[in-house]
Amino acid sequence: MFLRDGRAVTLLDGTPAGALKSFYCAAIILPAYILVVIVGNTPAVAEIDWFRFFAVETLAYVVSWCVWPLLMYYVAQALDRSASYFLYVSAYNWASGPQMLVLLVVLFLSVTGIVSDDLVTIANLAALAIVLLYHLFIVRVTLKLTFFVSLGLVVAEAMVSQFVIQARDSMLH
């Protein structure tokens, strides 16, 4: 699916059990997420209360994995796409793996210093665009919605993610 082949959706399990299994991706990418979180917070490491940091990051990670699929349950019903909901959740969750790889490339560029800060910023924006376009593709292929409705859902998910990030940051500072 990352290569934008709509036929790949047939490889996903669109049943309730398949959607539930797709949450295993949270465990698969957890080490990469921990790396991103630790490296991203390096300047403040000396000031961190590690128990609080661990508790807040754990809560934010769990919430970030659950809140959008839960909201989409109701959105799918409202859009008359309940039959495709579990396929969407499977695709959405498994998409986190390739998305994390994209973010790790940007992290690598940032940490190694092999490119300038300006190029890291551009790479970060490119990664964001890739992640958002990938989600747009998933919405279109799994839920079979129009471009603008799909775009609205992608923007809504990005806003929900930002809300979780802001809540996490406010609990840490």
N, C-alpha and C. Protein backbone atom coordinates (compact mmCIF):
# COMPACT_ATOMS: atom_id res chain seq x y z
N MET A 1 0.82 -1.19 0.00
CA MET A 1 0.00 0.00 0.00
C MET A 1 0.86 1.25 0.00
N PHE A 2 2.03 1.17 0.65
CA PHE A 2 2.90 2.34 0.69
C PHE A 2 3.32 2.76 -0.71
N LEU A 3 3.35 1.82 -1.63
CA LEU A 3 3.70 2.11 -3.01
C LEU A 3 2.48 2.52 -3.83
N ARG A 4 1.38 2.78 -3.15
CA ARG A 4 0.13 3.26 -3.75
C ARG A 4 -0.47 2.24 -4.73
N ASP A 5 -0.39 1.00 -4.36
CA ASP A 5 -1.05 -0.06 -5.14
C ASP A 5 -2.34 -0.42 -4.41
N GLY A 6 -3.45 0.02 -4.96
CA GLY A 6 -4.74 -0.21 -4.33
C GLY A 6 -5.10 -1.67 -4.17
N ARG A 7 -4.49 -2.53 -4.98
CA ARG A 7 -4.76 -3.97 -4.88
C ARG A 7 -4.21 -4.56 -3.58
N ALA A 8 -3.26 -3.87 -2.97
CA ALA A 8 -2.66 -4.37 -1.73
C ALA A 8 -3.67 -4.46 -0.61
N VAL A 9 -4.76 -3.71 -0.71
CA VAL A 9 -5.78 -3.74 0.33
C VAL A 9 -6.39 -5.14 0.46
N THR A 10 -6.34 -5.92 -0.59
CA THR A 10 -6.88 -7.28 -0.53
C THR A 10 -6.04 -8.20 0.35
N LEU A 11 -4.82 -7.78 0.67
CA LEU A 11 -3.95 -8.57 1.53
C LEU A 11 -4.24 -8.35 3.02
N LEU A 12 -5.04 -7.34 3.31
CA LEU A 12 -5.36 -7.02 4.70
C LEU A 12 -6.60 -7.77 5.15
N ASP A 13 -6.64 -8.06 6.43
CA ASP A 13 -7.79 -8.72 7.04
C ASP A 13 -8.76 -7.64 7.50
N GLY A 14 -9.88 -7.51 6.80
CA GLY A 14 -10.86 -6.48 7.10
C GLY A 14 -11.94 -6.92 8.07
N THR A 15 -11.68 -7.96 8.83
CA THR A 15 -12.64 -8.44 9.82
C THR A 15 -12.37 -7.76 11.16
N PRO A 16 -13.29 -7.86 12.10
CA PRO A 16 -13.00 -7.32 13.44
C PRO A 16 -11.73 -7.92 14.05
N ALA A 17 -11.53 -9.21 13.86
CA ALA A 17 -10.32 -9.86 14.39
C ALA A 17 -9.07 -9.31 13.70
N GLY A 18 -9.15 -9.06 12.40
CA GLY A 18 -8.03 -8.50 11.66
C GLY A 18 -7.70 -7.09 12.12
N ALA A 19 -8.73 -6.31 12.37
CA ALA A 19 -8.51 -4.95 12.86
C ALA A 19 -7.86 -5.00 14.25
N LEU A 20 -8.31 -5.90 15.08
CA LEU A 20 -7.73 -6.04 16.41
C LEU A 20 -6.26 -6.47 16.32
N LYS A 21 -5.96 -7.41 15.42
CA LYS A 21 -4.58 -7.86 15.24
C LYS A 21 -3.68 -6.73 14.75
N SER A 22 -4.23 -5.79 14.00
CA SER A 22 -3.41 -4.71 13.46
C SER A 22 -2.83 -3.82 14.56
N PHE A 23 -3.40 -3.89 15.75
CA PHE A 23 -2.85 -3.12 16.86
C PHE A 23 -1.52 -3.70 17.33
N TYR A 24 -1.14 -4.90 16.87
CA TYR A 24 0.18 -5.44 17.16
C TYR A 24 1.26 -4.54 16.59
N CYS A 25 0.92 -3.79 15.55
CA CYS A 25 1.89 -2.87 14.97
C CYS A 25 2.39 -1.88 16.01
N ALA A 26 1.57 -1.54 17.00
CA ALA A 26 2.00 -0.64 18.07
C ALA A 26 3.19 -1.23 18.81
N ALA A 27 3.17 -2.53 19.04
CA ALA A 27 4.29 -3.19 19.72
C ALA A 27 5.51 -3.29 18.80
N ILE A 28 5.25 -3.51 17.51
CA ILE A 28 6.35 -3.67 16.55
C ILE A 28 7.14 -2.37 16.41
N ILE A 29 6.45 -1.25 16.35
CA ILE A 29 7.17 0.02 16.14
C ILE A 29 7.54 0.71 17.45
N LEU A 30 7.17 0.14 18.58
CA LEU A 30 7.47 0.76 19.87
C LEU A 30 8.96 1.07 20.06
N PRO A 31 9.89 0.17 19.72
CA PRO A 31 11.31 0.54 19.90
C PRO A 31 11.71 1.77 19.09
N ALA A 32 11.21 1.87 17.88
CA ALA A 32 11.52 3.05 17.06
C ALA A 32 10.90 4.30 17.66
N TYR A 33 9.69 4.16 18.17
CA TYR A 33 9.02 5.30 18.82
C TYR A 33 9.81 5.76 20.04
N ILE A 34 10.29 4.82 20.83
CA ILE A 34 11.09 5.16 22.02
C ILE A 34 12.35 5.92 21.59
N LEU A 35 12.98 5.44 20.53
CA LEU A 35 14.17 6.12 20.01
C LEU A 35 13.85 7.55 19.60
N VAL A 36 12.77 7.74 18.88
CA VAL A 36 12.37 9.08 18.43
C VAL A 36 12.08 9.97 19.63
N VAL A 37 11.39 9.44 20.63
CA VAL A 37 11.04 10.23 21.82
C VAL A 37 12.29 10.62 22.60
N ILE A 38 13.19 9.68 22.80
CA ILE A 38 14.39 9.97 23.60
C ILE A 38 15.30 10.96 22.86
N VAL A 39 15.52 10.72 21.59
CA VAL A 39 16.39 11.62 20.83
C VAL A 39 15.74 13.00 20.70
N GLY A 40 14.43 13.02 20.52
CA GLY A 40 13.72 14.28 20.40
C GLY A 40 13.71 15.10 21.67
N ASN A 41 13.94 14.46 22.81
CA ASN A 41 13.94 15.15 24.10
C ASN A 41 15.34 15.27 24.70
N THR A 42 16.36 15.02 23.92
CA THR A 42 17.73 15.02 24.43
C THR A 42 18.12 16.29 25.17
N PRO A 43 17.80 17.49 24.68
CA PRO A 43 18.24 18.69 25.41
C PRO A 43 17.68 18.78 26.82
N ALA A 44 16.53 18.21 27.05
CA ALA A 44 15.90 18.34 28.36
C ALA A 44 16.11 17.12 29.26
N VAL A 45 16.97 16.20 28.85
CA VAL A 45 17.13 14.95 29.60
C VAL A 45 17.53 15.20 31.05
N ALA A 46 18.40 16.15 31.30
CA ALA A 46 18.87 16.40 32.67
C ALA A 46 17.75 16.87 33.59
N GLU A 47 16.72 17.47 33.03
CA GLU A 47 15.64 18.03 33.83
C GLU A 47 14.44 17.11 33.97
N ILE A 48 14.50 15.94 33.38
CA ILE A 48 13.32 15.08 33.30
C ILE A 48 13.15 14.24 34.57
N ASP A 49 11.94 14.23 35.09
CA ASP A 49 11.53 13.26 36.10
C ASP A 49 11.15 12.01 35.31
N TRP A 50 11.99 11.00 35.34
CA TRP A 50 11.84 9.85 34.46
C TRP A 50 10.53 9.09 34.67
N PHE A 51 10.08 8.99 35.90
CA PHE A 51 8.81 8.29 36.13
C PHE A 51 7.67 9.04 35.46
N ARG A 52 7.63 10.33 35.66
CA ARG A 52 6.57 11.15 35.03
C ARG A 52 6.69 11.07 33.51
N PHE A 53 7.91 11.20 33.00
CA PHE A 53 8.15 11.13 31.57
C PHE A 53 7.64 9.81 31.00
N PHE A 54 7.99 8.70 31.65
CA PHE A 54 7.58 7.38 31.19
C PHE A 54 6.05 7.23 31.25
N ALA A 55 5.45 7.68 32.35
CA ALA A 55 4.00 7.56 32.50
C ALA A 55 3.25 8.37 31.46
N VAL A 56 3.69 9.60 31.24
CA VAL A 56 3.01 10.47 30.28
C VAL A 56 3.20 9.96 28.86
N GLU A 57 4.41 9.57 28.52
CA GLU A 57 4.68 9.05 27.16
C GLU A 57 3.91 7.75 26.90
N THR A 58 3.83 6.90 27.91
CA THR A 58 3.07 5.65 27.76
C THR A 58 1.60 5.94 27.53
N LEU A 59 1.05 6.82 28.33
CA LEU A 59 -0.35 7.21 28.17
C LEU A 59 -0.59 7.82 26.80
N ALA A 60 0.28 8.72 26.38
CA ALA A 60 0.12 9.37 25.07
C ALA A 60 0.21 8.35 23.94
N TYR A 61 1.10 7.38 24.07
CA TYR A 61 1.26 6.36 23.03
C TYR A 61 -0.02 5.52 22.91
N VAL A 62 -0.54 5.09 24.03
CA VAL A 62 -1.78 4.29 24.02
C VAL A 62 -2.95 5.11 23.47
N VAL A 63 -3.08 6.33 23.93
CA VAL A 63 -4.17 7.19 23.45
C VAL A 63 -4.03 7.43 21.96
N SER A 64 -2.81 7.69 21.49
CA SER A 64 -2.62 7.97 20.07
C SER A 64 -2.99 6.76 19.20
N TRP A 65 -2.86 5.57 19.73
CA TRP A 65 -3.23 4.37 18.98
C TRP A 65 -4.73 4.10 19.02
N CYS A 66 -5.40 4.60 20.02
CA CYS A 66 -6.82 4.25 20.21
C CYS A 66 -7.81 5.33 19.81
N VAL A 67 -7.45 6.59 19.99
CA VAL A 67 -8.45 7.65 19.84
C VAL A 67 -8.98 7.76 18.42
N TRP A 68 -8.11 7.72 17.41
CA TRP A 68 -8.60 7.88 16.03
C TRP A 68 -9.45 6.69 15.59
N PRO A 69 -9.01 5.46 15.79
CA PRO A 69 -9.89 4.34 15.40
C PRO A 69 -11.24 4.38 16.12
N LEU A 70 -11.25 4.81 17.38
CA LEU A 70 -12.52 4.93 18.10
C LEU A 70 -13.41 6.01 17.47
N LEU A 71 -12.85 7.17 17.19
CA LEU A 71 -13.61 8.23 16.54
C LEU A 71 -14.11 7.78 15.16
N MET A 72 -13.25 7.07 14.44
CA MET A 72 -13.63 6.62 13.09
C MET A 72 -14.77 5.61 13.11
N TYR A 73 -14.95 4.92 14.20
CA TYR A 73 -16.08 4.00 14.31
C TYR A 73 -17.38 4.78 14.09
N TYR A 74 -17.48 5.93 14.74
CA TYR A 74 -18.69 6.75 14.63
C TYR A 74 -18.74 7.51 13.30
N VAL A 75 -17.59 7.94 12.83
CA VAL A 75 -17.54 8.64 11.54
C VAL A 75 -17.94 7.68 10.42
N ALA A 76 -17.43 6.46 10.47
CA ALA A 76 -17.78 5.46 9.45
C ALA A 76 -19.29 5.20 9.44
N GLN A 77 -19.88 5.14 10.60
CA GLN A 77 -21.34 4.97 10.66
C GLN A 77 -22.05 6.16 10.03
N ALA A 78 -21.61 7.37 10.37
CA ALA A 78 -22.24 8.58 9.85
C ALA A 78 -22.09 8.69 8.33
N LEU A 79 -20.98 8.16 7.81
CA LEU A 79 -20.73 8.22 6.37
C LEU A 79 -21.24 6.98 5.63
N ASP A 80 -21.96 6.12 6.34
CA ASP A 80 -22.48 4.87 5.77
C ASP A 80 -21.35 3.99 5.23
N ARG A 81 -20.27 3.89 6.01
CA ARG A 81 -19.13 3.06 5.63
C ARG A 81 -18.79 2.04 6.71
N SER A 82 -19.77 1.67 7.50
CA SER A 82 -19.53 0.72 8.59
C SER A 82 -18.96 -0.60 8.09
N ALA A 83 -19.38 -1.02 6.91
CA ALA A 83 -18.91 -2.29 6.35
C ALA A 83 -17.40 -2.26 6.07
N SER A 84 -16.84 -1.09 5.86
CA SER A 84 -15.42 -0.95 5.54
C SER A 84 -14.57 -0.51 6.73
N TYR A 85 -15.21 -0.28 7.84
CA TYR A 85 -14.51 0.26 9.01
C TYR A 85 -13.32 -0.61 9.43
N PHE A 86 -13.51 -1.91 9.57
CA PHE A 86 -12.44 -2.78 10.07
C PHE A 86 -11.29 -2.88 9.08
N LEU A 87 -11.60 -2.83 7.79
CA LEU A 87 -10.54 -2.80 6.77
C LEU A 87 -9.74 -1.50 6.91
N TYR A 88 -10.44 -0.39 7.10
CA TYR A 88 -9.75 0.89 7.29
C TYR A 88 -8.83 0.84 8.50
N VAL A 89 -9.33 0.34 9.63
CA VAL A 89 -8.51 0.28 10.85
C VAL A 89 -7.28 -0.59 10.62
N SER A 90 -7.45 -1.72 9.96
CA SER A 90 -6.30 -2.59 9.66
C SER A 90 -5.26 -1.84 8.84
N ALA A 91 -5.71 -1.20 7.78
CA ALA A 91 -4.78 -0.47 6.91
C ALA A 91 -4.15 0.70 7.65
N TYR A 92 -4.95 1.43 8.38
CA TYR A 92 -4.47 2.60 9.12
C TYR A 92 -3.39 2.19 10.13
N ASN A 93 -3.65 1.13 10.88
CA ASN A 93 -2.68 0.70 11.89
C ASN A 93 -1.40 0.16 11.26
N TRP A 94 -1.53 -0.73 10.28
CA TRP A 94 -0.34 -1.30 9.66
C TRP A 94 0.46 -0.25 8.91
N ALA A 95 -0.17 0.84 8.51
CA ALA A 95 0.54 1.93 7.83
C ALA A 95 1.54 2.62 8.75
N SER A 96 1.38 2.44 10.04
CA SER A 96 2.29 3.07 10.99
C SER A 96 3.73 2.58 10.83
N GLY A 97 3.89 1.36 10.38
CA GLY A 97 5.24 0.82 10.17
C GLY A 97 6.02 1.60 9.13
N PRO A 98 5.52 1.67 7.89
CA PRO A 98 6.23 2.47 6.88
C PRO A 98 6.34 3.95 7.26
N GLN A 99 5.33 4.47 7.92
CA GLN A 99 5.40 5.87 8.34
C GLN A 99 6.55 6.07 9.34
N MET A 100 6.72 5.14 10.24
CA MET A 100 7.81 5.25 11.21
C MET A 100 9.17 5.19 10.50
N LEU A 101 9.28 4.37 9.47
CA LEU A 101 10.54 4.31 8.72
C LEU A 101 10.86 5.66 8.09
N VAL A 102 9.86 6.33 7.56
CA VAL A 102 10.05 7.65 6.99
C VAL A 102 10.55 8.62 8.06
N LEU A 103 9.93 8.57 9.24
CA LEU A 103 10.34 9.46 10.33
C LEU A 103 11.75 9.14 10.83
N LEU A 104 12.11 7.86 10.80
CA LEU A 104 13.47 7.47 11.23
C LEU A 104 14.53 8.00 10.27
N VAL A 105 14.20 8.07 8.99
CA VAL A 105 15.14 8.65 8.02
C VAL A 105 15.40 10.11 8.37
N VAL A 106 14.35 10.85 8.67
CA VAL A 106 14.50 12.26 9.05
C VAL A 106 15.31 12.37 10.34
N LEU A 107 15.02 11.51 11.30
CA LEU A 107 15.77 11.52 12.56
C LEU A 107 17.25 11.24 12.30
N PHE A 108 17.53 10.28 11.44
CA PHE A 108 18.92 9.96 11.09
C PHE A 108 19.62 11.17 10.49
N LEU A 109 18.94 11.84 9.56
CA LEU A 109 19.52 13.03 8.94
C LEU A 109 19.79 14.12 9.98
N SER A 110 18.89 14.26 10.91
CA SER A 110 19.01 15.28 11.94
C SER A 110 20.15 14.98 12.91
N VAL A 111 20.23 13.74 13.36
CA VAL A 111 21.21 13.35 14.38
C VAL A 111 22.63 13.28 13.82
N THR A 112 22.77 12.78 12.62
CA THR A 112 24.11 12.60 12.07
C THR A 112 24.74 13.89 11.59
N GLY A 113 23.90 14.87 11.26
CA GLY A 113 24.43 16.14 10.78
C GLY A 113 25.00 16.06 9.38
N ILE A 114 24.66 15.03 8.63
CA ILE A 114 25.19 14.90 7.27
C ILE A 114 24.55 15.89 6.29
N VAL A 115 23.46 16.50 6.73
CA VAL A 115 22.84 17.56 5.93
C VAL A 115 22.61 18.76 6.84
N SER A 116 22.42 19.90 6.22
CA SER A 116 22.23 21.13 7.00
C SER A 116 20.87 21.12 7.70
N ASP A 117 20.72 21.99 8.67
CA ASP A 117 19.45 22.12 9.39
C ASP A 117 18.31 22.49 8.43
N ASP A 118 18.63 23.30 7.44
CA ASP A 118 17.61 23.67 6.45
C ASP A 118 17.12 22.45 5.68
N LEU A 119 18.04 21.57 5.30
CA LEU A 119 17.63 20.34 4.60
C LEU A 119 16.87 19.39 5.51
N VAL A 120 17.21 19.37 6.78
CA VAL A 120 16.45 18.56 7.74
C VAL A 120 15.03 19.08 7.84
N THR A 121 14.87 20.40 7.86
CA THR A 121 13.54 20.99 7.90
C THR A 121 12.75 20.61 6.65
N ILE A 122 13.39 20.67 5.50
CA ILE A 122 12.73 20.27 4.25
C ILE A 122 12.37 18.79 4.29
N ALA A 123 13.28 17.96 4.79
CA ALA A 123 13.02 16.52 4.90
C ALA A 123 11.86 16.27 5.86
N ASN A 124 11.80 17.04 6.93
CA ASN A 124 10.70 16.91 7.89
C ASN A 124 9.36 17.24 7.23
N LEU A 125 9.33 18.31 6.45
CA LEU A 125 8.11 18.69 5.74
C LEU A 125 7.74 17.64 4.69
N ALA A 126 8.75 17.11 4.01
CA ALA A 126 8.50 16.06 3.02
C ALA A 126 7.95 14.81 3.69
N ALA A 127 8.49 14.46 4.85
CA ALA A 127 7.99 13.30 5.61
C ALA A 127 6.55 13.51 6.02
N LEU A 128 6.23 14.71 6.48
CA LEU A 128 4.85 15.02 6.85
C LEU A 128 3.93 14.87 5.64
N ALA A 129 4.35 15.38 4.50
CA ALA A 129 3.55 15.26 3.27
C ALA A 129 3.36 13.79 2.89
N ILE A 130 4.41 13.00 3.00
CA ILE A 130 4.33 11.57 2.66
C ILE A 130 3.33 10.88 3.58
N VAL A 131 3.42 11.14 4.87
CA VAL A 131 2.53 10.50 5.84
C VAL A 131 1.07 10.90 5.58
N LEU A 132 0.83 12.17 5.33
CA LEU A 132 -0.54 12.64 5.09
C LEU A 132 -1.10 12.09 3.77
N LEU A 133 -0.27 12.08 2.74
CA LEU A 133 -0.73 11.54 1.44
C LEU A 133 -0.98 10.03 1.54
N TYR A 134 -0.17 9.35 2.31
CA TYR A 134 -0.36 7.91 2.52
C TYR A 134 -1.70 7.67 3.22
N HIS A 135 -1.98 8.47 4.24
CA HIS A 135 -3.26 8.32 4.93
C HIS A 135 -4.42 8.63 3.99
N LEU A 136 -4.26 9.65 3.17
CA LEU A 136 -5.29 9.99 2.18
C LEU A 136 -5.56 8.81 1.26
N PHE A 137 -4.50 8.17 0.81
CA PHE A 137 -4.64 7.00 -0.05
C PHE A 137 -5.38 5.87 0.67
N ILE A 138 -5.03 5.64 1.92
CA ILE A 138 -5.68 4.58 2.70
C ILE A 138 -7.17 4.85 2.85
N VAL A 139 -7.52 6.09 3.18
CA VAL A 139 -8.93 6.45 3.32
C VAL A 139 -9.67 6.21 2.00
N ARG A 140 -9.08 6.66 0.91
CA ARG A 140 -9.74 6.53 -0.39
C ARG A 140 -9.93 5.06 -0.78
N VAL A 141 -8.91 4.24 -0.56
CA VAL A 141 -8.95 2.84 -0.99
C VAL A 141 -9.85 1.98 -0.09
N THR A 142 -9.80 2.23 1.20
CA THR A 142 -10.56 1.36 2.12
C THR A 142 -12.01 1.80 2.29
N LEU A 143 -12.21 3.10 2.42
CA LEU A 143 -13.57 3.59 2.67
C LEU A 143 -14.29 4.05 1.41
N LYS A 144 -13.55 4.17 0.32
CA LYS A 144 -14.12 4.57 -0.98
C LYS A 144 -14.91 5.87 -0.87
N LEU A 145 -14.24 6.87 -0.34
CA LEU A 145 -14.86 8.19 -0.17
C LEU A 145 -14.31 9.15 -1.23
N THR A 146 -15.01 10.25 -1.44
CA THR A 146 -14.55 11.24 -2.39
C THR A 146 -13.25 11.86 -1.88
N PHE A 147 -12.56 12.54 -2.78
CA PHE A 147 -11.29 13.15 -2.43
C PHE A 147 -11.46 14.14 -1.27
N PHE A 148 -12.44 15.02 -1.37
CA PHE A 148 -12.58 16.06 -0.35
C PHE A 148 -13.04 15.52 1.00
N VAL A 149 -13.88 14.52 1.01
CA VAL A 149 -14.26 13.91 2.29
C VAL A 149 -13.04 13.20 2.89
N SER A 150 -12.29 12.51 2.05
CA SER A 150 -11.08 11.84 2.51
C SER A 150 -10.07 12.84 3.05
N LEU A 151 -9.90 13.94 2.34
CA LEU A 151 -8.99 14.98 2.78
C LEU A 151 -9.44 15.55 4.12
N GLY A 152 -10.72 15.74 4.27
CA GLY A 152 -11.25 16.23 5.55
C GLY A 152 -10.93 15.28 6.69
N LEU A 153 -11.03 13.98 6.43
CA LEU A 153 -10.70 13.00 7.48
C LEU A 153 -9.21 13.01 7.81
N VAL A 154 -8.38 13.16 6.80
CA VAL A 154 -6.94 13.22 7.03
C VAL A 154 -6.59 14.45 7.87
N VAL A 155 -7.18 15.58 7.53
CA VAL A 155 -6.95 16.80 8.31
C VAL A 155 -7.46 16.62 9.74
N ALA A 156 -8.63 16.02 9.88
CA ALA A 156 -9.19 15.78 11.22
C ALA A 156 -8.27 14.89 12.04
N GLU A 157 -7.74 13.84 11.43
CA GLU A 157 -6.83 12.94 12.15
C GLU A 157 -5.56 13.67 12.56
N ALA A 158 -5.05 14.52 11.68
CA ALA A 158 -3.86 15.30 12.01
C ALA A 158 -4.14 16.24 13.19
N MET A 159 -5.33 16.80 13.21
CA MET A 159 -5.70 17.68 14.32
C MET A 159 -5.83 16.91 15.62
N VAL A 160 -6.41 15.73 15.56
CA VAL A 160 -6.53 14.90 16.76
C VAL A 160 -5.14 14.51 17.26
N SER A 161 -4.26 14.16 16.34
CA SER A 161 -2.88 13.81 16.72
C SER A 161 -2.18 15.00 17.38
N GLN A 162 -2.38 16.18 16.83
CA GLN A 162 -1.79 17.38 17.42
C GLN A 162 -2.35 17.64 18.81
N PHE A 163 -3.63 17.39 18.98
CA PHE A 163 -4.24 17.56 20.30
C PHE A 163 -3.59 16.62 21.31
N VAL A 164 -3.37 15.37 20.92
CA VAL A 164 -2.73 14.40 21.82
C VAL A 164 -1.31 14.86 22.15
N ILE A 165 -0.59 15.35 21.14
CA ILE A 165 0.78 15.83 21.34
C ILE A 165 0.79 17.03 22.29
N GLN A 166 -0.14 17.95 22.08
CA GLN A 166 -0.21 19.13 22.96
C GLN A 166 -0.57 18.73 24.39
N ALA A 167 -1.49 17.79 24.54
CA ALA A 167 -1.85 17.33 25.89
C ALA A 167 -0.64 16.66 26.54
N ARG A 168 0.06 15.84 25.79
CA ARG A 168 1.27 15.19 26.31
C ARG A 168 2.30 16.23 26.75
N ASP A 169 2.56 17.20 25.87
CA ASP A 169 3.55 18.22 26.19
C ASP A 169 3.16 19.05 27.41
N SER A 170 1.88 19.33 27.53
CA SER A 170 1.45 20.12 28.70
C SER A 170 1.59 19.32 29.99
N MET A 171 1.47 18.01 29.92
CA MET A 171 1.66 17.18 31.12
C MET A 171 3.13 17.03 31.47
N LEU A 172 4.00 17.20 30.48
CA LEU A 172 5.43 17.06 30.73
C LEU A 172 6.09 18.35 31.22
N HIS A 173 5.48 19.46 30.91
CA HIS A 173 6.13 20.75 31.26
C HIS A 173 5.35 21.50 32.30
